[in-house]
Amino acid sequence: MITQSIAAPNPDRIQSRYNAMLNALRRANYRITPQRMAVCHFLAETRTHPTPSEIYHAVKEQFPTMSRATVYNTVAVLKELGEIIELPAGGSAGVRYETDITPHVNLTCLRCGRIFDVPLERLDDILQAIAERTQFQVNSFHIEGYGVCPDCQEA
């Protein structure tokens, strides 16, 4: 499954997400090892919704002796801390991780499997309305849409 974002990459957002993940680990009293830093950096800069295996293979280039357990443990902690969101991947992929925890829409193509992130400013208005009506504190919010992407429509 290929994933991508419609929004352009933003170096400030990447650094902010990376720092947020490391700070969350520090606040929870986890050691900040070079391997954890590499996993966090990959998650902060990725434009995809990676599986644990994809994370492992990307970071293993930098740390050839790193175990899969390091990746699984790190993503489990980041998920618990609210820094990433676990998404069902379907098929044999197991799970994927949503690394952009800002309000946005995920569009999944039912033919090719690509996932597109679509940021919408109006989602902030929806979150505010939810908070005003329910007093519920929403920590993360995204909308899932399913259909056929423009590339698959042409094919």
C-alpha atoms as a PDB file:
ATOM      1  CA  MET A   1       0.000   0.000   0.000  1.00  0.00           C
ATOM      2  CA  ILE A   2       1.412   3.372  -1.005  1.00  0.00           C
ATOM      3  CA  THR A   3       0.613   6.428   1.072  1.00  0.00           C
ATOM      4  CA  GLN A   4       1.190  10.065   0.400  1.00  0.00           C
ATOM      5  CA  SER A   5       0.186  13.521   1.487  1.00  0.00           C
ATOM      6  CA  ILE A   6      -1.322  16.149  -0.742  1.00  0.00           C
ATOM      7  CA  ALA A   7       0.214  18.904   1.417  1.00  0.00           C
ATOM      8  CA  ALA A   8       3.790  20.043   0.750  1.00  0.00           C
ATOM      9  CA  PRO A   9       6.514  18.959   3.221  1.00  0.00           C
ATOM     10  CA  ASN A  10       7.229  21.500   5.921  1.00  0.00           C
ATOM     11  CA  PRO A  11      10.653  21.419   7.654  1.00  0.00           C
ATOM     12  CA  ASP A  12       9.272  23.303  10.667  1.00  0.00           C
ATOM     13  CA  ARG A  13       6.477  20.756  11.065  1.00  0.00           C
ATOM     14  CA  ILE A  14       8.979  17.894  10.810  1.00  0.00           C
ATOM     15  CA  GLN A  15      11.204  19.385  13.519  1.00  0.00           C
ATOM     16  CA  SER A  16       8.176  20.181  15.695  1.00  0.00           C
ATOM     17  CA  ARG A  17       6.823  16.602  15.456  1.00  0.00           C
ATOM     18  CA  TYR A  18      10.297  15.160  16.141  1.00  0.00           C
ATOM     19  CA  ASN A  19      10.719  17.364  19.221  1.00  0.00           C
ATOM     20  CA  ALA A  20       7.205  16.548  20.435  1.00  0.00           C
ATOM     21  CA  MET A  21       7.898  12.807  20.249  1.00  0.00           C
ATOM     22  CA  LEU A  22      11.233  13.093  22.059  1.00  0.00           C
ATOM     23  CA  ASN A  23       9.743  15.368  24.721  1.00  0.00           C
ATOM     24  CA  ALA A  24       6.872  12.938  25.284  1.00  0.00           C
ATOM     25  CA  LEU A  25       9.367  10.100  25.763  1.00  0.00           C
ATOM     26  CA  ARG A  26      11.414  12.227  28.191  1.00  0.00           C
ATOM     27  CA  ARG A  27       8.322  13.228  30.219  1.00  0.00           C
ATOM     28  CA  ALA A  28       7.419   9.541  30.511  1.00  0.00           C
ATOM     29  CA  ASN A  29      10.982   8.785  31.709  1.00  0.00           C
ATOM     30  CA  TYR A  30      12.071   6.761  28.677  1.00  0.00           C
ATOM     31  CA  ARG A  31      15.725   6.795  27.687  1.00  0.00           C
ATOM     32  CA  ILE A  32      16.413   8.681  24.490  1.00  0.00           C
ATOM     33  CA  THR A  33      18.633   6.234  22.642  1.00  0.00           C
ATOM     34  CA  PRO A  34      20.014   6.868  19.151  1.00  0.00           C
ATOM     35  CA  GLN A  35      17.717   4.123  17.832  1.00  0.00           C
ATOM     36  CA  ARG A  36      14.617   5.737  19.382  1.00  0.00           C
ATOM     37  CA  MET A  37      15.715   9.080  18.002  1.00  0.00           C
ATOM     38  CA  ALA A  38      16.016   7.530  14.531  1.00  0.00           C
ATOM     39  CA  VAL A  39      12.539   5.981  14.766  1.00  0.00           C
ATOM     40  CA  CYS A  40      11.088   9.321  15.897  1.00  0.00           C
ATOM     41  CA  HIS A  41      12.891  11.184  13.136  1.00  0.00           C
ATOM     42  CA  PHE A  42      11.594   8.762  10.507  1.00  0.00           C
ATOM     43  CA  LEU A  43       8.045   9.090  11.863  1.00  0.00           C
ATOM     44  CA  ALA A  44       8.293  12.887  11.957  1.00  0.00           C
ATOM     45  CA  GLU A  45       9.501  13.198   8.382  1.00  0.00           C
ATOM     46  CA  THR A  46       7.533  10.425   6.672  1.00  0.00           C
ATOM     47  CA  ARG A  47       4.782  11.421   4.285  1.00  0.00           C
ATOM     48  CA  THR A  48       3.268   7.949   4.518  1.00  0.00           C
ATOM     49  CA  HIS A  49       1.322   5.844   6.985  1.00  0.00           C
ATOM     50  CA  PRO A  50       4.079   3.288   7.672  1.00  0.00           C
ATOM     51  CA  THR A  51       3.804  -0.244   8.988  1.00  0.00           C
ATOM     52  CA  PRO A  52       6.194  -1.347  11.745  1.00  0.00           C
ATOM     53  CA  SER A  53       8.085  -3.330   9.106  1.00  0.00           C
ATOM     54  CA  GLU A  54       8.506  -0.251   6.909  1.00  0.00           C
ATOM     55  CA  ILE A  55       9.790   1.726   9.903  1.00  0.00           C
ATOM     56  CA  TYR A  56      12.210  -1.071  10.771  1.00  0.00           C
ATOM     57  CA  HIS A  57      13.621  -1.304   7.236  1.00  0.00           C
ATOM     58  CA  ALA A  58      14.018   2.479   6.957  1.00  0.00           C
ATOM     59  CA  VAL A  59      15.849   2.822  10.290  1.00  0.00           C
ATOM     60  CA  LYS A  60      17.835  -0.408   9.960  1.00  0.00           C
ATOM     61  CA  GLU A  61      19.952   1.236   7.235  1.00  0.00           C
ATOM     62  CA  GLN A  62      21.301   3.598   9.887  1.00  0.00           C
ATOM     63  CA  PHE A  63      21.445   0.964  12.672  1.00  0.00           C
ATOM     64  CA  PRO A  64      22.109  -2.461  11.081  1.00  0.00           C
ATOM     65  CA  THR A  65      22.127  -4.295  14.430  1.00  0.00           C
ATOM     66  CA  MET A  66      18.844  -2.814  15.635  1.00  0.00           C
ATOM     67  CA  SER A  67      16.126  -5.336  16.459  1.00  0.00           C
ATOM     68  CA  ARG A  68      12.508  -5.280  15.331  1.00  0.00           C
ATOM     69  CA  ALA A  69      11.586  -5.225  19.021  1.00  0.00           C
ATOM     70  CA  THR A  70      13.119  -1.749  19.335  1.00  0.00           C
ATOM     71  CA  VAL A  71      10.796  -0.446  16.624  1.00  0.00           C
ATOM     72  CA  TYR A  72       7.731  -2.247  17.998  1.00  0.00           C
ATOM     73  CA  ASN A  73       8.441  -1.027  21.538  1.00  0.00           C
ATOM     74  CA  THR A  74       9.057   2.549  20.411  1.00  0.00           C
ATOM     75  CA  VAL A  75       5.878   2.796  18.334  1.00  0.00           C
ATOM     76  CA  ALA A  76       3.878   1.172  21.152  1.00  0.00           C
ATOM     77  CA  VAL A  77       5.112   3.818  23.587  1.00  0.00           C
ATOM     78  CA  LEU A  78       4.520   6.672  21.126  1.00  0.00           C
ATOM     79  CA  LYS A  79       1.002   5.374  20.533  1.00  0.00           C
ATOM     80  CA  GLU A  80       0.379   5.165  24.289  1.00  0.00           C
ATOM     81  CA  LEU A  81       1.669   8.731  24.684  1.00  0.00           C
ATOM     82  CA  GLY A  82      -0.668   9.987  21.931  1.00  0.00           C
ATOM     83  CA  GLU A  83       2.116  10.950  19.523  1.00  0.00           C
ATOM     84  CA  ILE A  84       1.008   8.549  16.766  1.00  0.00           C
ATOM     85  CA  ILE A  85      -2.265   6.805  16.005  1.00  0.00           C
ATOM     86  CA  GLU A  86      -2.637   3.150  15.083  1.00  0.00           C
ATOM     87  CA  LEU A  87      -4.708   2.552  11.950  1.00  0.00           C
ATOM     88  CA  PRO A  88      -5.903  -0.814  10.639  1.00  0.00           C
ATOM     89  CA  ALA A  89      -3.997  -1.502   7.417  1.00  0.00           C
ATOM     90  CA  GLY A  90      -6.166  -4.243   6.005  1.00  0.00           C
ATOM     91  CA  GLY A  91      -4.881  -7.383   4.369  1.00  0.00           C
ATOM     92  CA  SER A  92      -1.728  -8.906   5.802  1.00  0.00           C
ATOM     93  CA  ALA A  93      -0.062  -5.564   6.627  1.00  0.00           C
ATOM     94  CA  GLY A  94      -1.522  -5.532  10.158  1.00  0.00           C
ATOM     95  CA  VAL A  95      -1.388  -1.911  11.239  1.00  0.00           C
ATOM     96  CA  ARG A  96      -0.141   1.404   9.931  1.00  0.00           C
ATOM     97  CA  TYR A  97       0.678   4.477  11.939  1.00  0.00           C
ATOM     98  CA  GLU A  98      -0.773   7.916  11.475  1.00  0.00           C
ATOM     99  CA  THR A  99       2.071  10.288  12.286  1.00  0.00           C
ATOM    100  CA  ASP A 100       0.187  13.525  11.632  1.00  0.00           C
ATOM    101  CA  ILE A 101      -2.009  13.991  14.674  1.00  0.00           C
ATOM    102  CA  THR A 102      -3.402  17.344  13.515  1.00  0.00           C
ATOM    103  CA  PRO A 103      -7.016  17.337  12.311  1.00  0.00           C
ATOM    104  CA  HIS A 104      -7.173  16.147   8.703  1.00  0.00           C
ATOM    105  CA  VAL A 105      -8.905  13.837   6.259  1.00  0.00           C
ATOM    106  CA  ASN A 106      -7.484  10.481   5.104  1.00  0.00           C
ATOM    107  CA  LEU A 107      -8.636   9.435   1.631  1.00  0.00           C
ATOM    108  CA  THR A 108      -7.968   5.771   0.801  1.00  0.00           C
ATOM    109  CA  CYS A 109      -8.112   4.550  -2.795  1.00  0.00           C
ATOM    110  CA  LEU A 110      -9.988   1.267  -2.926  1.00  0.00           C
ATOM    111  CA  ARG A 111      -8.138   0.200  -6.075  1.00  0.00           C
ATOM    112  CA  CYS A 112      -4.440   0.956  -5.457  1.00  0.00           C
ATOM    113  CA  GLY A 113      -4.512   1.347  -1.663  1.00  0.00           C
ATOM    114  CA  ARG A 114      -2.817   4.748  -1.547  1.00  0.00           C
ATOM    115  CA  ILE A 115      -3.747   6.930   1.420  1.00  0.00           C
ATOM    116  CA  PHE A 116      -3.862  10.670   0.839  1.00  0.00           C
ATOM    117  CA  ASP A 117      -3.728  13.180   3.726  1.00  0.00           C
ATOM    118  CA  VAL A 118      -5.870  16.252   3.123  1.00  0.00           C
ATOM    119  CA  PRO A 119      -5.544  19.054   5.680  1.00  0.00           C
ATOM    120  CA  LEU A 120      -8.701  21.153   6.029  1.00  0.00           C
ATOM    121  CA  GLU A 121      -8.800  24.275   8.154  1.00  0.00           C
ATOM    122  CA  ARG A 122     -12.561  23.887   8.693  1.00  0.00           C
ATOM    123  CA  LEU A 123     -11.925  20.786  10.827  1.00  0.00           C
ATOM    124  CA  ASP A 124     -10.808  23.127  13.598  1.00  0.00           C
ATOM    125  CA  ASP A 125     -14.314  24.646  13.526  1.00  0.00           C
ATOM    126  CA  ILE A 126     -15.823  21.154  13.892  1.00  0.00           C
ATOM    127  CA  LEU A 127     -13.563  20.390  16.864  1.00  0.00           C
ATOM    128  CA  GLN A 128     -14.520  23.667  18.521  1.00  0.00           C
ATOM    129  CA  ALA A 129     -18.235  22.915  18.016  1.00  0.00           C
ATOM    130  CA  ILE A 130     -17.767  19.439  19.508  1.00  0.00           C
ATOM    131  CA  ALA A 131     -15.971  20.871  22.532  1.00  0.00           C
ATOM    132  CA  GLU A 132     -18.630  23.551  23.063  1.00  0.00           C
ATOM    133  CA  ARG A 133     -21.540  21.113  22.793  1.00  0.00           C
ATOM    134  CA  THR A 134     -20.114  18.186  24.721  1.00  0.00           C
ATOM    135  CA  GLN A 135     -17.234  19.475  26.897  1.00  0.00           C
ATOM    136  CA  PHE A 136     -15.314  16.511  25.442  1.00  0.00           C
ATOM    137  CA  GLN A 137     -11.566  17.088  25.080  1.00  0.00           C
ATOM    138  CA  VAL A 138     -10.573  15.657  21.696  1.00  0.00           C
ATOM    139  CA  ASN A 139      -6.872  14.757  21.536  1.00  0.00           C
ATOM    140  CA  SER A 140      -6.816  13.751  17.887  1.00  0.00           C
ATOM    141  CA  PHE A 141      -9.297  13.832  15.061  1.00  0.00           C
ATOM    142  CA  HIS A 142      -9.350  12.703  11.471  1.00  0.00           C
ATOM    143  CA  ILE A 143     -11.949  11.729   8.923  1.00  0.00           C
ATOM    144  CA  GLU A 144     -11.608   8.670   6.686  1.00  0.00           C
ATOM    145  CA  GLY A 145     -12.895   8.657   3.122  1.00  0.00           C
ATOM    146  CA  TYR A 146     -12.840   5.776   0.668  1.00  0.00           C
ATOM    147  CA  GLY A 147     -13.066   5.935  -3.095  1.00  0.00           C
ATOM    148  CA  VAL A 148     -11.003   5.897  -6.278  1.00  0.00           C
ATOM    149  CA  CYS A 149      -7.999   8.210  -6.743  1.00  0.00           C
ATOM    150  CA  PRO A 150      -7.511  10.271  -9.941  1.00  0.00           C
ATOM    151  CA  ASP A 151      -4.746   7.928 -11.220  1.00  0.00           C
ATOM    152  CA  CYS A 152      -6.978   4.862 -10.885  1.00  0.00           C
ATOM    153  CA  GLN A 153      -9.898   6.677 -12.467  1.00  0.00           C
ATOM    154  CA  GLU A 154      -7.775   7.270 -15.578  1.00  0.00           C
ATOM    155  CA  ALA A 155      -6.635   3.636 -15.766  1.00  0.00           C
END
